[in-house]
Amino acid sequence: MLRRVLSALALSGLLLLVSAPAAAQCAMCRETASYQRAKAIEALNAGILVLGIPPVGVLGGIGFIAFKKRNTTRDDIERDQVA
């Protein structure tokens, strides 16, 4: 179980690193960044990353719970509540 979680985290980290060049690629962000200095561009990219973390965390949490409960039936839940 722990091995699967660590594998999933490693894969997520790898995907995050691979997608780094895609930062600031929306039209408005690209246009804003084109008129800024390098320091401001870095700050804009960091802001985009920070704003993206909560939705990814929520979706990851929901996905983890769904994966963990994928083989649970209603009978299992009712039996656990009675016990």
N, C-alpha and C. Protein backbone atom coordinates (compact mmCIF):
# COMPACT_ATOMS: atom_id res chain seq x y z
N MET A 1 0.83 -1.19 0.00
CA MET A 1 0.00 0.00 0.00
C MET A 1 0.87 1.26 0.00
N LEU A 2 1.83 1.30 0.94
CA LEU A 2 2.72 2.45 1.02
C LEU A 2 3.55 2.58 -0.25
N ARG A 3 3.91 1.45 -0.81
CA ARG A 3 4.70 1.47 -2.03
C ARG A 3 3.92 2.09 -3.19
N ARG A 4 2.63 1.78 -3.27
CA ARG A 4 1.79 2.37 -4.32
C ARG A 4 1.65 3.87 -4.14
N VAL A 5 1.45 4.31 -2.90
CA VAL A 5 1.32 5.74 -2.63
C VAL A 5 2.61 6.46 -2.99
N LEU A 6 3.74 5.90 -2.61
CA LEU A 6 5.02 6.52 -2.95
C LEU A 6 5.25 6.55 -4.46
N SER A 7 4.83 5.49 -5.13
CA SER A 7 4.95 5.46 -6.60
C SER A 7 4.08 6.54 -7.23
N ALA A 8 2.88 6.70 -6.72
CA ALA A 8 1.97 7.73 -7.24
C ALA A 8 2.54 9.12 -6.99
N LEU A 9 3.10 9.35 -5.81
CA LEU A 9 3.71 10.64 -5.51
C LEU A 9 4.92 10.91 -6.40
N ALA A 10 5.72 9.90 -6.64
CA ALA A 10 6.89 10.06 -7.51
C ALA A 10 6.45 10.38 -8.94
N LEU A 11 5.43 9.69 -9.41
CA LEU A 11 4.92 9.97 -10.75
C LEU A 11 4.34 11.37 -10.84
N SER A 12 3.62 11.80 -9.81
CA SER A 12 3.06 13.16 -9.79
C SER A 12 4.17 14.20 -9.82
N GLY A 13 5.22 13.97 -9.04
CA GLY A 13 6.35 14.89 -9.04
C GLY A 13 7.04 14.97 -10.38
N LEU A 14 7.19 13.83 -11.02
CA LEU A 14 7.81 13.80 -12.34
C LEU A 14 6.96 14.55 -13.36
N LEU A 15 5.66 14.35 -13.32
CA LEU A 15 4.77 15.07 -14.23
C LEU A 15 4.81 16.57 -13.97
N LEU A 16 4.94 16.96 -12.72
CA LEU A 16 5.03 18.38 -12.39
C LEU A 16 6.30 18.98 -12.97
N LEU A 17 7.40 18.26 -12.86
CA LEU A 17 8.66 18.76 -13.41
C LEU A 17 8.62 18.85 -14.93
N VAL A 18 7.99 17.88 -15.56
CA VAL A 18 7.91 17.87 -17.02
C VAL A 18 7.02 19.01 -17.52
N SER A 19 6.00 19.35 -16.75
CA SER A 19 5.07 20.39 -17.19
C SER A 19 5.53 21.80 -16.84
N ALA A 20 6.67 21.95 -16.19
CA ALA A 20 7.15 23.27 -15.78
C ALA A 20 7.29 24.25 -16.94
N PRO A 21 7.73 23.84 -18.13
CA PRO A 21 7.83 24.81 -19.23
C PRO A 21 6.48 25.37 -19.68
N ALA A 22 5.39 24.76 -19.27
CA ALA A 22 4.07 25.23 -19.67
C ALA A 22 3.56 26.36 -18.78
N ALA A 23 4.34 26.79 -17.78
CA ALA A 23 3.91 27.85 -16.88
C ALA A 23 3.69 29.15 -17.65
N ALA A 24 2.68 29.89 -17.26
CA ALA A 24 2.34 31.19 -17.86
C ALA A 24 2.04 31.07 -19.35
N GLN A 25 1.27 30.07 -19.74
CA GLN A 25 0.97 29.88 -21.15
C GLN A 25 -0.43 30.32 -21.55
N CYS A 26 -1.25 30.76 -20.58
CA CYS A 26 -2.55 31.28 -21.00
C CYS A 26 -2.30 32.62 -21.68
N ALA A 27 -3.22 33.05 -22.52
CA ALA A 27 -3.02 34.25 -23.33
C ALA A 27 -2.79 35.49 -22.46
N MET A 28 -3.60 35.67 -21.43
CA MET A 28 -3.48 36.85 -20.59
C MET A 28 -2.15 36.83 -19.82
N CYS A 29 -1.77 35.69 -19.30
CA CYS A 29 -0.51 35.59 -18.56
C CYS A 29 0.68 35.82 -19.48
N ARG A 30 0.61 35.26 -20.67
CA ARG A 30 1.73 35.42 -21.62
C ARG A 30 1.88 36.89 -22.02
N GLU A 31 0.75 37.55 -22.25
CA GLU A 31 0.78 38.96 -22.65
C GLU A 31 1.32 39.83 -21.51
N THR A 32 0.87 39.56 -20.30
CA THR A 32 1.36 40.31 -19.14
C THR A 32 2.84 40.07 -18.94
N ALA A 33 3.27 38.84 -19.06
CA ALA A 33 4.67 38.49 -18.84
C ALA A 33 5.58 39.09 -19.91
N SER A 34 5.07 39.27 -21.10
CA SER A 34 5.92 39.78 -22.18
C SER A 34 6.37 41.22 -21.92
N TYR A 35 5.63 41.96 -21.09
CA TYR A 35 5.97 43.35 -20.80
C TYR A 35 6.71 43.51 -19.47
N GLN A 36 7.04 42.42 -18.82
CA GLN A 36 7.66 42.48 -17.50
C GLN A 36 9.14 42.13 -17.56
N ARG A 37 9.83 42.48 -16.48
CA ARG A 37 11.23 42.08 -16.34
C ARG A 37 11.27 40.63 -15.87
N ALA A 38 12.46 40.04 -15.89
CA ALA A 38 12.63 38.62 -15.55
C ALA A 38 12.15 38.33 -14.13
N LYS A 39 12.41 39.23 -13.19
CA LYS A 39 12.00 39.01 -11.80
C LYS A 39 10.48 38.97 -11.68
N ALA A 40 9.81 39.84 -12.39
CA ALA A 40 8.34 39.87 -12.37
C ALA A 40 7.76 38.62 -13.03
N ILE A 41 8.41 38.13 -14.07
CA ILE A 41 7.95 36.91 -14.74
C ILE A 41 8.07 35.72 -13.79
N GLU A 42 9.17 35.66 -13.05
CA GLU A 42 9.32 34.58 -12.07
C GLU A 42 8.23 34.64 -11.00
N ALA A 43 7.91 35.86 -10.55
CA ALA A 43 6.87 36.03 -9.53
C ALA A 43 5.51 35.61 -10.09
N LEU A 44 5.24 35.95 -11.33
CA LEU A 44 3.98 35.57 -11.96
C LEU A 44 3.87 34.05 -12.08
N ASN A 45 4.94 33.41 -12.50
CA ASN A 45 4.93 31.95 -12.60
C ASN A 45 4.75 31.30 -11.23
N ALA A 46 5.39 31.85 -10.21
CA ALA A 46 5.22 31.32 -8.85
C ALA A 46 3.78 31.50 -8.38
N GLY A 47 3.18 32.63 -8.70
CA GLY A 47 1.78 32.87 -8.33
C GLY A 47 0.84 31.89 -9.01
N ILE A 48 1.09 31.60 -10.26
CA ILE A 48 0.26 30.63 -10.98
C ILE A 48 0.39 29.26 -10.34
N LEU A 49 1.59 28.87 -9.98
CA LEU A 49 1.81 27.58 -9.33
C LEU A 49 1.11 27.53 -7.98
N VAL A 50 1.23 28.59 -7.18
CA VAL A 50 0.59 28.62 -5.86
C VAL A 50 -0.93 28.53 -5.99
N LEU A 51 -1.50 29.21 -6.96
CA LEU A 51 -2.95 29.16 -7.16
C LEU A 51 -3.42 27.81 -7.69
N GLY A 52 -2.52 27.05 -8.29
CA GLY A 52 -2.90 25.73 -8.81
C GLY A 52 -2.81 24.62 -7.78
N ILE A 53 -2.09 24.84 -6.69
CA ILE A 53 -1.89 23.78 -5.69
C ILE A 53 -3.19 23.37 -5.00
N PRO A 54 -4.04 24.28 -4.51
CA PRO A 54 -5.27 23.84 -3.82
C PRO A 54 -6.20 22.98 -4.68
N PRO A 55 -6.50 23.34 -5.93
CA PRO A 55 -7.37 22.46 -6.71
C PRO A 55 -6.76 21.08 -6.96
N VAL A 56 -5.46 21.04 -7.18
CA VAL A 56 -4.80 19.75 -7.39
C VAL A 56 -4.86 18.92 -6.11
N GLY A 57 -4.67 19.57 -4.97
CA GLY A 57 -4.75 18.87 -3.69
C GLY A 57 -6.14 18.31 -3.42
N VAL A 58 -7.17 19.10 -3.71
CA VAL A 58 -8.54 18.64 -3.49
C VAL A 58 -8.86 17.47 -4.43
N LEU A 59 -8.53 17.61 -5.69
CA LEU A 59 -8.80 16.53 -6.64
C LEU A 59 -7.99 15.28 -6.31
N GLY A 60 -6.76 15.48 -5.89
CA GLY A 60 -5.93 14.34 -5.48
C GLY A 60 -6.51 13.64 -4.27
N GLY A 61 -7.00 14.42 -3.30
CA GLY A 61 -7.61 13.84 -2.11
C GLY A 61 -8.86 13.05 -2.44
N ILE A 62 -9.71 13.60 -3.29
CA ILE A 62 -10.92 12.89 -3.71
C ILE A 62 -10.55 11.63 -4.46
N GLY A 63 -9.56 11.73 -5.34
CA GLY A 63 -9.11 10.55 -6.07
C GLY A 63 -8.55 9.48 -5.16
N PHE A 64 -7.79 9.89 -4.14
CA PHE A 64 -7.22 8.94 -3.20
C PHE A 64 -8.32 8.24 -2.41
N ILE A 65 -9.30 9.00 -1.93
CA ILE A 65 -10.41 8.40 -1.18
C ILE A 65 -11.20 7.44 -2.07
N ALA A 66 -11.46 7.86 -3.31
CA ALA A 66 -12.19 7.00 -4.23
C ALA A 66 -11.40 5.72 -4.51
N PHE A 67 -10.10 5.85 -4.69
CA PHE A 67 -9.27 4.67 -4.93
C PHE A 67 -9.26 3.74 -3.72
N LYS A 68 -9.17 4.34 -2.55
CA LYS A 68 -9.12 3.55 -1.31
C LYS A 68 -10.44 2.82 -1.07
N LYS A 69 -11.55 3.43 -1.43
CA LYS A 69 -12.87 2.86 -1.17
C LYS A 69 -13.46 2.15 -2.39
N ARG A 70 -12.68 1.91 -3.42
CA ARG A 70 -13.19 1.38 -4.69
C ARG A 70 -13.87 0.02 -4.57
N ASN A 71 -13.47 -0.80 -3.62
CA ASN A 71 -14.05 -2.13 -3.48
C ASN A 71 -15.02 -2.24 -2.31
N THR A 72 -15.41 -1.12 -1.73
CA THR A 72 -16.32 -1.11 -0.59
C THR A 72 -17.76 -1.12 -1.09
N THR A 73 -18.58 -1.97 -0.50
CA THR A 73 -20.00 -2.02 -0.86
C THR A 73 -20.81 -1.42 0.27
N ARG A 74 -22.08 -1.17 0.01
CA ARG A 74 -22.97 -0.61 1.02
C ARG A 74 -23.08 -1.56 2.22
N ASP A 75 -23.08 -2.86 1.96
CA ASP A 75 -23.15 -3.83 3.06
C ASP A 75 -21.94 -3.69 3.98
N ASP A 76 -20.76 -3.46 3.41
CA ASP A 76 -19.56 -3.29 4.22
C ASP A 76 -19.68 -2.05 5.11
N ILE A 77 -20.21 -0.98 4.54
CA ILE A 77 -20.36 0.27 5.30
C ILE A 77 -21.34 0.09 6.43
N GLU A 78 -22.50 -0.53 6.16
CA GLU A 78 -23.52 -0.74 7.19
C GLU A 78 -22.99 -1.67 8.29
N ARG A 79 -22.25 -2.69 7.93
CA ARG A 79 -21.69 -3.62 8.92
C ARG A 79 -20.68 -2.90 9.81
N ASP A 80 -19.88 -2.01 9.24
CA ASP A 80 -18.89 -1.27 10.03
C ASP A 80 -19.57 -0.28 10.98
N GLN A 81 -20.71 0.29 10.58
CA GLN A 81 -21.41 1.24 11.43
C GLN A 81 -22.08 0.55 12.61
N VAL A 82 -22.55 -0.68 12.42
CA VAL A 82 -23.22 -1.43 13.48
C VAL A 82 -22.21 -1.90 14.52
N ALA A 83 -21.05 -2.29 14.06
CA ALA A 83 -20.04 -2.86 14.97
C ALA A 83 -19.42 -1.84 15.87
